[in-house]
Amino acid sequence: MYHFPRLYAVDMRPLKAALDRKDEPEWTSYDPSEALAKEAEEQERDKNLAELRESLDEGYREAIDESMNGPPPTTVRAYVAEYGGFPHGWPPSP
């Protein structure tokens, strides 16, 4: 089976938060202004991550379109030479 190469963006913040968690209750060091600043920062990171993911998706669609206009990748051509037909998954669909 052929899988067209694709990049993904992974959000590691939940893992970092779990690793950084302390044994003391969260409310002992709560500061409202700090919490608001952190929330604004998280919203900005969410926005940037969404933009990155959209950009990666757009690049993936463009790469598929380009691949359809040229010869198949070397791995697909080798498969065709060996087995006489295209592998399942070629041509890719967006």
PDB file of N, CA and C in Angstrom:
ATOM      1  N   MET A   1       0.844  -1.175   0.000  1.00  0.00           N
ATOM      2  CA  MET A   1       0.000   0.000   0.000  1.00  0.00           C
ATOM      3  C   MET A   1       0.891   1.241   0.000  1.00  0.00           C
ATOM      4  N   TYR A   2       0.550   2.200  -0.840  1.00  0.00           N
ATOM      5  CA  TYR A   2       1.323   3.432  -0.944  1.00  0.00           C
ATOM      6  C   TYR A   2       0.661   4.518  -0.104  1.00  0.00           C
ATOM      7  N   HIS A   3       1.455   5.242   0.663  1.00  0.00           N
ATOM      8  CA  HIS A   3       0.981   6.384   1.446  1.00  0.00           C
ATOM      9  C   HIS A   3       1.756   7.608   1.002  1.00  0.00           C
ATOM     10  N   PHE A   4       1.046   8.595   0.490  1.00  0.00           N
ATOM     11  CA  PHE A   4       1.686   9.839   0.072  1.00  0.00           C
ATOM     12  C   PHE A   4       2.249  10.529   1.312  1.00  0.00           C
ATOM     13  N   PRO A   5       3.499  11.009   1.265  1.00  0.00           N
ATOM     14  CA  PRO A   5       4.124  11.643   2.437  1.00  0.00           C
ATOM     15  C   PRO A   5       3.329  12.855   2.915  1.00  0.00           C
ATOM     16  N   ARG A   6       3.228  12.985   4.236  1.00  0.00           N
ATOM     17  CA  ARG A   6       2.477  14.096   4.808  1.00  0.00           C
ATOM     18  C   ARG A   6       3.101  14.496   6.144  1.00  0.00           C
ATOM     19  N   LEU A   7       3.103  15.801   6.417  1.00  0.00           N
ATOM     20  CA  LEU A   7       3.603  16.335   7.689  1.00  0.00           C
ATOM     21  C   LEU A   7       2.426  16.752   8.568  1.00  0.00           C
ATOM     22  N   TYR A   8       2.588  16.557   9.859  1.00  0.00           N
ATOM     23  CA  TYR A   8       1.575  16.958  10.833  1.00  0.00           C
ATOM     24  C   TYR A   8       2.234  17.808  11.919  1.00  0.00           C
ATOM     25  N   ALA A   9       1.450  18.664  12.551  1.00  0.00           N
ATOM     26  CA  ALA A   9       1.912  19.444  13.701  1.00  0.00           C
ATOM     27  C   ALA A   9       1.230  18.877  14.942  1.00  0.00           C
ATOM     28  N   VAL A  10       2.028  18.574  15.959  1.00  0.00           N
ATOM     29  CA  VAL A  10       1.507  17.989  17.192  1.00  0.00           C
ATOM     30  C   VAL A  10       1.650  18.998  18.319  1.00  0.00           C
ATOM     31  N   ASP A  11       0.600  19.146  19.096  1.00  0.00           N
ATOM     32  CA  ASP A  11       0.607  20.057  20.236  1.00  0.00           C
ATOM     33  C   ASP A  11       1.062  19.280  21.466  1.00  0.00           C
ATOM     34  N   MET A  12       2.248  19.606  21.972  1.00  0.00           N
ATOM     35  CA  MET A  12       2.816  18.889  23.115  1.00  0.00           C
ATOM     36  C   MET A  12       2.548  19.599  24.444  1.00  0.00           C
ATOM     37  N   ARG A  13       1.774  20.675  24.421  1.00  0.00           N
ATOM     38  CA  ARG A  13       1.516  21.420  25.658  1.00  0.00           C
ATOM     39  C   ARG A  13       0.842  20.588  26.746  1.00  0.00           C
ATOM     40  N   PRO A  14      -0.150  19.733  26.422  1.00  0.00           N
ATOM     41  CA  PRO A  14      -0.746  18.931  27.495  1.00  0.00           C
ATOM     42  C   PRO A  14       0.266  18.001  28.179  1.00  0.00           C
ATOM     43  N   LEU A  15       1.175  17.432  27.411  1.00  0.00           N
ATOM     44  CA  LEU A  15       2.198  16.572  28.001  1.00  0.00           C
ATOM     45  C   LEU A  15       3.126  17.382  28.902  1.00  0.00           C
ATOM     46  N   LYS A  16       3.535  18.563  28.418  1.00  0.00           N
ATOM     47  CA  LYS A  16       4.404  19.414  29.229  1.00  0.00           C
ATOM     48  C   LYS A  16       3.711  19.819  30.522  1.00  0.00           C
ATOM     49  N   ALA A  17       2.427  20.150  30.436  1.00  0.00           N
ATOM     50  CA  ALA A  17       1.682  20.539  31.635  1.00  0.00           C
ATOM     51  C   ALA A  17       1.621  19.375  32.627  1.00  0.00           C
ATOM     52  N   ALA A  18       1.442  18.177  32.125  1.00  0.00           N
ATOM     53  CA  ALA A  18       1.390  17.007  33.009  1.00  0.00           C
ATOM     54  C   ALA A  18       2.745  16.753  33.657  1.00  0.00           C
ATOM     55  N   LEU A  19       3.815  16.950  32.906  1.00  0.00           N
ATOM     56  CA  LEU A  19       5.154  16.737  33.454  1.00  0.00           C
ATOM     57  C   LEU A  19       5.550  17.834  34.443  1.00  0.00           C
ATOM     58  N   ASP A  20       5.058  19.049  34.220  1.00  0.00           N
ATOM     59  CA  ASP A  20       5.395  20.178  35.089  1.00  0.00           C
ATOM     60  C   ASP A  20       4.517  20.259  36.332  1.00  0.00           C
ATOM     61  N   ARG A  21       3.491  19.435  36.402  1.00  0.00           N
ATOM     62  CA  ARG A  21       2.552  19.498  37.523  1.00  0.00           C
ATOM     63  C   ARG A  21       3.268  19.227  38.844  1.00  0.00           C
ATOM     64  N   LYS A  22       2.934  20.029  39.830  1.00  0.00           N
ATOM     65  CA  LYS A  22       3.535  19.900  41.154  1.00  0.00           C
ATOM     66  C   LYS A  22       2.552  19.199  42.083  1.00  0.00           C
ATOM     67  N   ASP A  23       3.037  18.776  43.226  1.00  0.00           N
ATOM     68  CA  ASP A  23       2.191  18.075  44.183  1.00  0.00           C
ATOM     69  C   ASP A  23       1.288  19.016  44.975  1.00  0.00           C
ATOM     70  N   GLU A  24       1.610  20.295  44.990  1.00  0.00           N
ATOM     71  CA  GLU A  24       0.796  21.235  45.758  1.00  0.00           C
ATOM     72  C   GLU A  24      -0.438  21.635  44.948  1.00  0.00           C
ATOM     73  N   PRO A  25      -1.526  21.997  45.614  1.00  0.00           N
ATOM     74  CA  PRO A  25      -2.743  22.406  44.902  1.00  0.00           C
ATOM     75  C   PRO A  25      -2.498  23.650  44.050  1.00  0.00           C
ATOM     76  N   GLU A  26      -3.191  23.708  42.937  1.00  0.00           N
ATOM     77  CA  GLU A  26      -3.015  24.814  42.002  1.00  0.00           C
ATOM     78  C   GLU A  26      -3.451  26.146  42.608  1.00  0.00           C
ATOM     79  N   TRP A  27      -4.442  26.137  43.477  1.00  0.00           N
ATOM     80  CA  TRP A  27      -4.986  27.378  44.017  1.00  0.00           C
ATOM     81  C   TRP A  27      -4.054  28.078  45.000  1.00  0.00           C
ATOM     82  N   THR A  28      -3.030  27.379  45.496  1.00  0.00           N
ATOM     83  CA  THR A  28      -2.137  28.015  46.469  1.00  0.00           C
ATOM     84  C   THR A  28      -1.290  29.126  45.861  1.00  0.00           C
ATOM     85  N   SER A  29      -0.999  29.026  44.588  1.00  0.00           N
ATOM     86  CA  SER A  29      -0.176  30.041  43.940  1.00  0.00           C
ATOM     87  C   SER A  29      -0.930  30.767  42.824  1.00  0.00           C
ATOM     88  N   TYR A  30      -2.262  30.791  42.893  1.00  0.00           N
ATOM     89  CA  TYR A  30      -3.086  31.411  41.852  1.00  0.00           C
ATOM     90  C   TYR A  30      -2.981  32.931  41.898  1.00  0.00           C
ATOM     91  N   ASP A  31      -2.738  33.500  40.711  1.00  0.00           N
ATOM     92  CA  ASP A  31      -2.693  34.957  40.556  1.00  0.00           C
ATOM     93  C   ASP A  31      -3.587  35.294  39.367  1.00  0.00           C
ATOM     94  N   PRO A  32      -4.686  36.039  39.579  1.00  0.00           N
ATOM     95  CA  PRO A  32      -5.629  36.313  38.491  1.00  0.00           C
ATOM     96  C   PRO A  32      -4.992  36.990  37.278  1.00  0.00           C
ATOM     97  N   SER A  33      -4.140  37.976  37.494  1.00  0.00           N
ATOM     98  CA  SER A  33      -3.529  38.663  36.347  1.00  0.00           C
ATOM     99  C   SER A  33      -2.584  37.730  35.593  1.00  0.00           C
ATOM    100  N   GLU A  34      -1.885  36.875  36.315  1.00  0.00           N
ATOM    101  CA  GLU A  34      -1.010  35.895  35.672  1.00  0.00           C
ATOM    102  C   GLU A  34      -1.841  34.875  34.881  1.00  0.00           C
ATOM    103  N   ALA A  35      -2.973  34.488  35.438  1.00  0.00           N
ATOM    104  CA  ALA A  35      -3.852  33.531  34.757  1.00  0.00           C
ATOM    105  C   ALA A  35      -4.401  34.121  33.465  1.00  0.00           C
ATOM    106  N   LEU A  36      -4.791  35.404  33.491  1.00  0.00           N
ATOM    107  CA  LEU A  36      -5.290  36.061  32.280  1.00  0.00           C
ATOM    108  C   LEU A  36      -4.203  36.169  31.218  1.00  0.00           C
ATOM    109  N   ALA A  37      -2.995  36.508  31.635  1.00  0.00           N
ATOM    110  CA  ALA A  37      -1.879  36.608  30.689  1.00  0.00           C
ATOM    111  C   ALA A  37      -1.577  35.236  30.079  1.00  0.00           C
ATOM    112  N   LYS A  38      -1.618  34.206  30.914  1.00  0.00           N
ATOM    113  CA  LYS A  38      -1.350  32.851  30.416  1.00  0.00           C
ATOM    114  C   LYS A  38      -2.438  32.407  29.443  1.00  0.00           C
ATOM    115  N   GLU A  39      -3.694  32.746  29.742  1.00  0.00           N
ATOM    116  CA  GLU A  39      -4.796  32.390  28.851  1.00  0.00           C
ATOM    117  C   GLU A  39      -4.649  33.090  27.496  1.00  0.00           C
ATOM    118  N   ALA A  40      -4.264  34.368  27.506  1.00  0.00           N
ATOM    119  CA  ALA A  40      -4.048  35.102  26.256  1.00  0.00           C
ATOM    120  C   ALA A  40      -2.913  34.473  25.460  1.00  0.00           C
ATOM    121  N   GLU A  41      -1.865  34.076  26.151  1.00  0.00           N
ATOM    122  CA  GLU A  41      -0.726  33.425  25.486  1.00  0.00           C
ATOM    123  C   GLU A  41      -1.151  32.088  24.875  1.00  0.00           C
ATOM    124  N   GLU A  42      -1.955  31.329  25.590  1.00  0.00           N
ATOM    125  CA  GLU A  42      -2.438  30.039  25.081  1.00  0.00           C
ATOM    126  C   GLU A  42      -3.323  30.234  23.856  1.00  0.00           C
ATOM    127  N   GLN A  43      -4.166  31.261  23.881  1.00  0.00           N
ATOM    128  CA  GLN A  43      -5.010  31.549  22.720  1.00  0.00           C
ATOM    129  C   GLN A  43      -4.165  31.907  21.503  1.00  0.00           C
ATOM    130  N   GLU A  44      -3.101  32.661  21.709  1.00  0.00           N
ATOM    131  CA  GLU A  44      -2.198  33.019  20.607  1.00  0.00           C
ATOM    132  C   GLU A  44      -1.509  31.771  20.064  1.00  0.00           C
ATOM    133  N   ARG A  45      -1.079  30.877  20.946  1.00  0.00           N
ATOM    134  CA  ARG A  45      -0.449  29.634  20.506  1.00  0.00           C
ATOM    135  C   ARG A  45      -1.442  28.754  19.748  1.00  0.00           C
ATOM    136  N   ASP A  46      -2.694  28.703  20.223  1.00  0.00           N
ATOM    137  CA  ASP A  46      -3.724  27.934  19.523  1.00  0.00           C
ATOM    138  C   ASP A  46      -3.942  28.484  18.117  1.00  0.00           C
ATOM    139  N   LYS A  47      -3.984  29.811  18.012  1.00  0.00           N
ATOM    140  CA  LYS A  47      -4.171  30.460  16.706  1.00  0.00           C
ATOM    141  C   LYS A  47      -2.991  30.128  15.783  1.00  0.00           C
ATOM    142  N   ASN A  48      -1.768  30.225  16.300  1.00  0.00           N
ATOM    143  CA  ASN A  48      -0.584  29.925  15.493  1.00  0.00           C
ATOM    144  C   ASN A  48      -0.555  28.461  15.070  1.00  0.00           C
ATOM    145  N   LEU A  49      -0.947  27.564  15.977  1.00  0.00           N
ATOM    146  CA  LEU A  49      -0.980  26.138  15.653  1.00  0.00           C
ATOM    147  C   LEU A  49      -2.014  25.848  14.574  1.00  0.00           C
ATOM    148  N   ALA A  50      -3.173  26.493  14.657  1.00  0.00           N
ATOM    149  CA  ALA A  50      -4.212  26.312  13.633  1.00  0.00           C
ATOM    150  C   ALA A  50      -3.723  26.812  12.275  1.00  0.00           C
ATOM    151  N   GLU A  51      -3.022  27.933  12.266  1.00  0.00           N
ATOM    152  CA  GLU A  51      -2.472  28.461  11.005  1.00  0.00           C
ATOM    153  C   GLU A  51      -1.417  27.517  10.433  1.00  0.00           C
ATOM    154  N   LEU A  52      -0.566  26.975  11.299  1.00  0.00           N
ATOM    155  CA  LEU A  52       0.455  26.032  10.846  1.00  0.00           C
ATOM    156  C   LEU A  52      -0.190  24.786  10.252  1.00  0.00           C
ATOM    157  N   ARG A  53      -1.203  24.253  10.940  1.00  0.00           N
ATOM    158  CA  ARG A  53      -1.883  23.060  10.434  1.00  0.00           C
ATOM    159  C   ARG A  53      -2.552  23.324   9.098  1.00  0.00           C
ATOM    160  N   GLU A  54      -3.171  24.491   8.946  1.00  0.00           N
ATOM    161  CA  GLU A  54      -3.798  24.844   7.668  1.00  0.00           C
ATOM    162  C   GLU A  54      -2.745  24.956   6.570  1.00  0.00           C
ATOM    163  N   SER A  55      -1.610  25.546   6.901  1.00  0.00           N
ATOM    164  CA  SER A  55      -0.524  25.669   5.932  1.00  0.00           C
ATOM    165  C   SER A  55       0.002  24.298   5.517  1.00  0.00           C
ATOM    166  N   LEU A  56       0.148  23.387   6.476  1.00  0.00           N
ATOM    167  CA  LEU A  56       0.607  22.034   6.150  1.00  0.00           C
ATOM    168  C   LEU A  56      -0.410  21.299   5.286  1.00  0.00           C
ATOM    169  N   ASP A  57      -1.696  21.465   5.581  1.00  0.00           N
ATOM    170  CA  ASP A  57      -2.740  20.833   4.774  1.00  0.00           C
ATOM    171  C   ASP A  57      -2.739  21.380   3.351  1.00  0.00           C
ATOM    172  N   GLU A  58      -2.566  22.688   3.226  1.00  0.00           N
ATOM    173  CA  GLU A  58      -2.523  23.300   1.900  1.00  0.00           C
ATOM    174  C   GLU A  58      -1.309  22.792   1.115  1.00  0.00           C
ATOM    175  N   GLY A  59      -0.172  22.705   1.780  1.00  0.00           N
ATOM    176  CA  GLY A  59       1.029  22.178   1.124  1.00  0.00           C
ATOM    177  C   GLY A  59       0.847  20.729   0.696  1.00  0.00           C
ATOM    178  N   TYR A  60       0.152  19.941   1.510  1.00  0.00           N
ATOM    179  CA  TYR A  60      -0.121  18.545   1.168  1.00  0.00           C
ATOM    180  C   TYR A  60      -0.985  18.466  -0.085  1.00  0.00           C
ATOM    181  N   ARG A  61      -2.047  19.276  -0.132  1.00  0.00           N
ATOM    182  CA  ARG A  61      -2.925  19.264  -1.318  1.00  0.00           C
ATOM    183  C   ARG A  61      -2.161  19.703  -2.567  1.00  0.00           C
ATOM    184  N   GLU A  62      -1.316  20.727  -2.420  1.00  0.00           N
ATOM    185  CA  GLU A  62      -0.523  21.195  -3.564  1.00  0.00           C
ATOM    186  C   GLU A  62       0.462  20.123  -4.025  1.00  0.00           C
ATOM    187  N   ALA A  63       1.077  19.405  -3.089  1.00  0.00           N
ATOM    188  CA  ALA A  63       2.025  18.347  -3.443  1.00  0.00           C
ATOM    189  C   ALA A  63       1.326  17.216  -4.187  1.00  0.00           C
ATOM    190  N   ILE A  64       0.110  16.884  -3.774  1.00  0.00           N
ATOM    191  CA  ILE A  64      -0.646  15.846  -4.485  1.00  0.00           C
ATOM    192  C   ILE A  64      -0.957  16.306  -5.906  1.00  0.00           C
ATOM    193  N   ASP A  65      -1.407  17.553  -6.046  1.00  0.00           N
ATOM    194  CA  ASP A  65      -1.708  18.077  -7.379  1.00  0.00           C
ATOM    195  C   ASP A  65      -0.469  18.041  -8.277  1.00  0.00           C
ATOM    196  N   GLU A  66       0.682  18.443  -7.732  1.00  0.00           N
ATOM    197  CA  GLU A  66       1.917  18.425  -8.509  1.00  0.00           C
ATOM    198  C   GLU A  66       2.315  17.003  -8.889  1.00  0.00           C
ATOM    199  N   SER A  67       2.120  16.066  -7.975  1.00  0.00           N
ATOM    200  CA  SER A  67       2.519  14.682  -8.261  1.00  0.00           C
ATOM    201  C   SER A  67       1.660  14.070  -9.358  1.00  0.00           C
ATOM    202  N   MET A  68       0.440  14.533  -9.493  1.00  0.00           N
ATOM    203  CA  MET A  68      -0.439  13.991 -10.525  1.00  0.00           C
ATOM    204  C   MET A  68      -0.062  14.500 -11.915  1.00  0.00           C
ATOM    205  N   ASN A  69       0.650  15.618 -11.992  1.00  0.00           N
ATOM    206  CA  ASN A  69       1.044  16.189 -13.278  1.00  0.00           C
ATOM    207  C   ASN A  69       2.364  15.642 -13.798  1.00  0.00           C
ATOM    208  N   GLY A  70       3.101  14.930 -12.980  1.00  0.00           N
ATOM    209  CA  GLY A  70       4.395  14.402 -13.398  1.00  0.00           C
ATOM    210  C   GLY A  70       4.402  12.894 -13.309  1.00  0.00           C
ATOM    211  N   PRO A  71       5.575  12.310 -13.487  1.00  0.00           N
ATOM    212  CA  PRO A  71       5.671  10.852 -13.369  1.00  0.00           C
ATOM    213  C   PRO A  71       5.492  10.424 -11.913  1.00  0.00           C
ATOM    214  N   PRO A  72       5.040   9.202 -11.690  1.00  0.00           N
ATOM    215  CA  PRO A  72       4.886   8.717 -10.315  1.00  0.00           C
ATOM    216  C   PRO A  72       6.231   8.687  -9.591  1.00  0.00           C
ATOM    217  N   PRO A  73       6.214   8.700  -8.264  1.00  0.00           N
ATOM    218  CA  PRO A  73       7.460   8.617  -7.501  1.00  0.00           C
ATOM    219  C   PRO A  73       8.222   7.324  -7.805  1.00  0.00           C
ATOM    220  N   THR A  74       9.480   7.318  -7.478  1.00  0.00           N
ATOM    221  CA  THR A  74      10.341   6.168  -7.759  1.00  0.00           C
ATOM    222  C   THR A  74       9.808   4.892  -7.117  1.00  0.00           C
ATOM    223  N   THR A  75       9.299   4.986  -5.906  1.00  0.00           N
ATOM    224  CA  THR A  75       8.785   3.786  -5.233  1.00  0.00           C
ATOM    225  C   THR A  75       7.589   3.207  -5.980  1.00  0.00           C
ATOM    226  N   VAL A  76       6.740   4.074  -6.512  1.00  0.00           N
ATOM    227  CA  VAL A  76       5.572   3.601  -7.274  1.00  0.00           C
ATOM    228  C   VAL A  76       6.025   2.992  -8.595  1.00  0.00           C
ATOM    229  N   ARG A  77       6.987   3.616  -9.258  1.00  0.00           N
ATOM    230  CA  ARG A  77       7.490   3.057 -10.531  1.00  0.00           C
ATOM    231  C   ARG A  77       8.147   1.701 -10.301  1.00  0.00           C
ATOM    232  N   ALA A  78       8.861   1.553  -9.176  1.00  0.00           N
ATOM    233  CA  ALA A  78       9.480   0.264  -8.870  1.00  0.00           C
ATOM    234  C   ALA A  78       8.413  -0.791  -8.608  1.00  0.00           C
ATOM    235  N   TYR A  79       7.348  -0.417  -7.935  1.00  0.00           N
ATOM    236  CA  TYR A  79       6.249  -1.346  -7.670  1.00  0.00           C
ATOM    237  C   TYR A  79       5.611  -1.790  -8.979  1.00  0.00           C
ATOM    238  N   VAL A  80       5.373  -0.832  -9.881  1.00  0.00           N
ATOM    239  CA  VAL A  80       4.780  -1.149 -11.182  1.00  0.00           C
ATOM    240  C   VAL A  80       5.691  -2.093 -11.960  1.00  0.00           C
ATOM    241  N   ALA A  81       6.999  -1.847 -11.929  1.00  0.00           N
ATOM    242  CA  ALA A  81       7.946  -2.702 -12.643  1.00  0.00           C
ATOM    243  C   ALA A  81       7.945  -4.117 -12.082  1.00  0.00           C
ATOM    244  N   GLU A  82       7.786  -4.244 -10.772  1.00  0.00           N
ATOM    245  CA  GLU A  82       7.833  -5.565 -10.140  1.00  0.00           C
ATOM    246  C   GLU A  82       6.509  -6.312 -10.230  1.00  0.00           C
ATOM    247  N   TYR A  83       5.394  -5.608 -10.006  1.00  0.00           N
ATOM    248  CA  TYR A  83       4.096  -6.279  -9.908  1.00  0.00           C
ATOM    249  C   TYR A  83       3.162  -6.012 -11.080  1.00  0.00           C
ATOM    250  N   GLY A  84       3.539  -5.108 -11.975  1.00  0.00           N
ATOM    251  CA  GLY A  84       2.750  -4.881 -13.177  1.00  0.00           C
ATOM    252  C   GLY A  84       1.530  -3.989 -12.997  1.00  0.00           C
ATOM    253  N   GLY A  85       1.378  -3.333 -11.884  1.00  0.00           N
ATOM    254  CA  GLY A  85       0.243  -2.427 -11.655  1.00  0.00           C
ATOM    255  C   GLY A  85       0.548  -1.479 -10.514  1.00  0.00           C
ATOM    256  N   PHE A  86      -0.303  -0.499 -10.405  1.00  0.00           N
ATOM    257  CA  PHE A  86      -0.102   0.491  -9.332  1.00  0.00           C
ATOM    258  C   PHE A  86      -0.466  -0.098  -7.978  1.00  0.00           C
ATOM    259  N   PRO A  87       0.239   0.325  -6.933  1.00  0.00           N
ATOM    260  CA  PRO A  87      -0.111  -0.135  -5.586  1.00  0.00           C
ATOM    261  C   PRO A  87      -1.416   0.516  -5.121  1.00  0.00           C
ATOM    262  N   HIS A  88      -2.067  -0.140  -4.160  1.00  0.00           N
ATOM    263  CA  HIS A  88      -3.257   0.451  -3.564  1.00  0.00           C
ATOM    264  C   HIS A  88      -2.825   1.745  -2.878  1.00  0.00           C
ATOM    265  N   GLY A  89      -3.562   2.820  -3.127  1.00  0.00           N
ATOM    266  CA  GLY A  89      -3.194   4.121  -2.557  1.00  0.00           C
ATOM    267  C   GLY A  89      -2.613   5.060  -3.604  1.00  0.00           C
ATOM    268  N   TRP A  90      -2.336   4.551  -4.785  1.00  0.00           N
ATOM    269  CA  TRP A  90      -1.881   5.415  -5.880  1.00  0.00           C
ATOM    270  C   TRP A  90      -2.915   5.373  -6.976  1.00  0.00           C
ATOM    271  N   PRO A  91      -3.354   6.461  -7.491  1.00  0.00           N
ATOM    272  CA  PRO A  91      -2.989   7.831  -7.175  1.00  0.00           C
ATOM    273  C   PRO A  91      -3.599   8.269  -5.844  1.00  0.00           C
ATOM    274  N   PRO A  92      -2.911   9.178  -5.149  1.00  0.00           N
ATOM    275  CA  PRO A  92      -3.419   9.654  -3.858  1.00  0.00           C
ATOM    276  C   PRO A  92      -4.651  10.542  -4.046  1.00  0.00           C
ATOM    277  N   SER A  93      -5.459  10.592  -3.033  1.00  0.00           N
ATOM    278  CA  SER A  93      -6.614  11.495  -3.072  1.00  0.00           C
ATOM    279  C   SER A  93      -6.463  12.544  -1.972  1.00  0.00           C
ATOM    280  N   PRO A  94      -6.795  13.783  -2.292  1.00  0.00           N
ATOM    281  CA  PRO A  94      -6.611  14.863  -1.309  1.00  0.00           C
ATOM    282  C   PRO A  94      -7.520  14.778  -0.126  1.00  0.00           C
TER     283      PRO A  94
END
